[in-house]
Amino acid sequence: MTPVIPAWRVAAEGVGVLYARHGARGAMPDCGTDAGLALAALRQGFAGIVFRGRPGIARKLSAIARRLGARVIARGRPRAVISVRPQTRTS
């Protein structure tokens, strides 16, 4: 299983730093919906990325990735999940 680097970490630490730490081991950054971040990760040399943006953009990124010998795993946008449970009071 290929480790995926969470999107918040990619944004916080930067693509170059993460590639230096994890790129050679095959880790893939989750670029969320940020196409610019996805392109930066591909240019940096990651063998693959996770992209959660629009399908048309994902197809374009996939074409670029193929030319670079990389791959894009396109996933739908994450759904916001809110769990609301009523509070139970014990008297």
Protein backbone atom coordinates (compact mmCIF):
# COMPACT_ATOMS: atom_id res chain seq x y z
CA MET A 1 0.00 0.00 0.00
CA THR A 2 1.32 3.41 -1.00
CA PRO A 3 1.37 5.92 1.85
CA VAL A 4 -0.62 9.10 1.18
CA ILE A 5 0.56 12.36 2.70
CA PRO A 6 -2.46 14.37 3.99
CA ALA A 7 -3.38 17.58 2.14
CA TRP A 8 -2.90 19.79 5.23
CA ARG A 9 0.65 18.56 5.57
CA VAL A 10 1.44 19.13 1.90
CA ALA A 11 0.19 22.71 2.19
CA ALA A 12 1.95 23.37 5.48
CA GLU A 13 5.36 21.87 4.76
CA GLY A 14 5.61 22.39 1.03
CA VAL A 15 6.10 19.96 -1.80
CA GLY A 16 9.90 20.21 -1.93
CA VAL A 17 10.38 19.38 1.74
CA LEU A 18 7.99 16.44 1.56
CA TYR A 19 9.66 15.07 -1.57
CA ALA A 20 13.02 15.18 0.17
CA ARG A 21 11.58 13.21 3.10
CA HIS A 22 9.14 10.82 1.43
CA GLY A 23 9.29 10.97 -2.37
CA ALA A 24 11.95 8.31 -2.85
CA ARG A 25 9.87 5.89 -0.78
CA GLY A 26 6.89 6.19 -3.10
CA ALA A 27 4.64 8.30 -0.91
CA MET A 28 1.93 10.26 -2.71
CA PRO A 29 0.80 13.74 -1.64
CA ASP A 30 -2.93 14.37 -1.38
CA CYS A 31 -3.26 17.70 -3.17
CA GLY A 32 -6.93 18.13 -2.40
CA THR A 33 -8.60 20.32 -5.02
CA ASP A 34 -5.50 22.49 -5.59
CA ALA A 35 -4.37 21.96 -9.20
CA GLY A 36 -1.34 24.21 -8.68
CA LEU A 37 -0.17 22.10 -5.78
CA ALA A 38 -0.74 18.97 -7.87
CA LEU A 39 1.42 20.36 -10.70
CA ALA A 40 4.13 21.35 -8.23
CA ALA A 41 4.17 17.82 -6.81
CA LEU A 42 4.47 16.31 -10.29
CA ARG A 43 7.26 18.74 -11.26
CA GLN A 44 9.08 17.95 -8.02
CA GLY A 45 9.22 14.29 -9.01
CA PHE A 46 6.56 12.44 -7.02
CA ALA A 47 5.64 9.22 -8.81
CA GLY A 48 1.96 9.83 -8.06
CA ILE A 49 -0.49 12.23 -6.49
CA VAL A 50 -4.04 12.17 -5.16
CA PHE A 51 -6.31 14.87 -6.64
CA ARG A 52 -9.88 15.55 -5.46
CA GLY A 53 -10.85 18.35 -7.83
CA ARG A 54 -13.07 18.59 -10.89
CA PRO A 55 -12.95 15.65 -13.32
CA GLY A 56 -11.86 17.81 -16.28
CA ILE A 57 -8.87 19.12 -14.36
CA ALA A 58 -8.07 15.60 -13.14
CA ARG A 59 -7.93 14.40 -16.77
CA LYS A 60 -5.53 17.20 -17.72
CA LEU A 61 -3.34 16.45 -14.71
CA SER A 62 -3.37 12.75 -15.66
CA ALA A 63 -2.14 13.59 -19.16
CA ILE A 64 0.70 15.68 -17.74
CA ALA A 65 1.53 12.96 -15.21
CA ARG A 66 1.73 10.29 -17.93
CA ARG A 67 4.28 12.40 -19.84
CA LEU A 68 6.33 12.58 -16.64
CA GLY A 69 6.00 8.88 -15.87
CA ALA A 70 3.71 9.53 -12.90
CA ARG A 71 0.08 8.85 -12.11
CA VAL A 72 -2.90 10.70 -10.68
CA ILE A 73 -5.42 9.03 -8.43
CA ALA A 74 -8.56 11.07 -8.91
CA ARG A 75 -11.03 10.87 -6.08
CA GLY A 76 -14.24 12.77 -5.56
CA ARG A 77 -14.35 15.68 -3.20
CA PRO A 78 -14.47 14.61 0.41
CA ARG A 79 -17.90 14.91 1.93
CA ALA A 80 -18.35 17.00 5.01
CA VAL A 81 -19.55 14.71 7.73
CA ILE A 82 -21.08 16.10 10.86
CA SER A 83 -22.13 13.73 13.54
CA VAL A 84 -24.69 15.19 15.87
CA ARG A 85 -25.90 13.11 18.76
CA PRO A 86 -28.40 14.38 21.24
CA GLN A 87 -27.00 14.80 24.67
CA THR A 88 -28.44 12.46 27.20
CA ARG A 89 -28.71 13.65 30.70
CA THR A 90 -28.62 11.38 33.64
CA SER A 91 -30.27 12.77 36.73
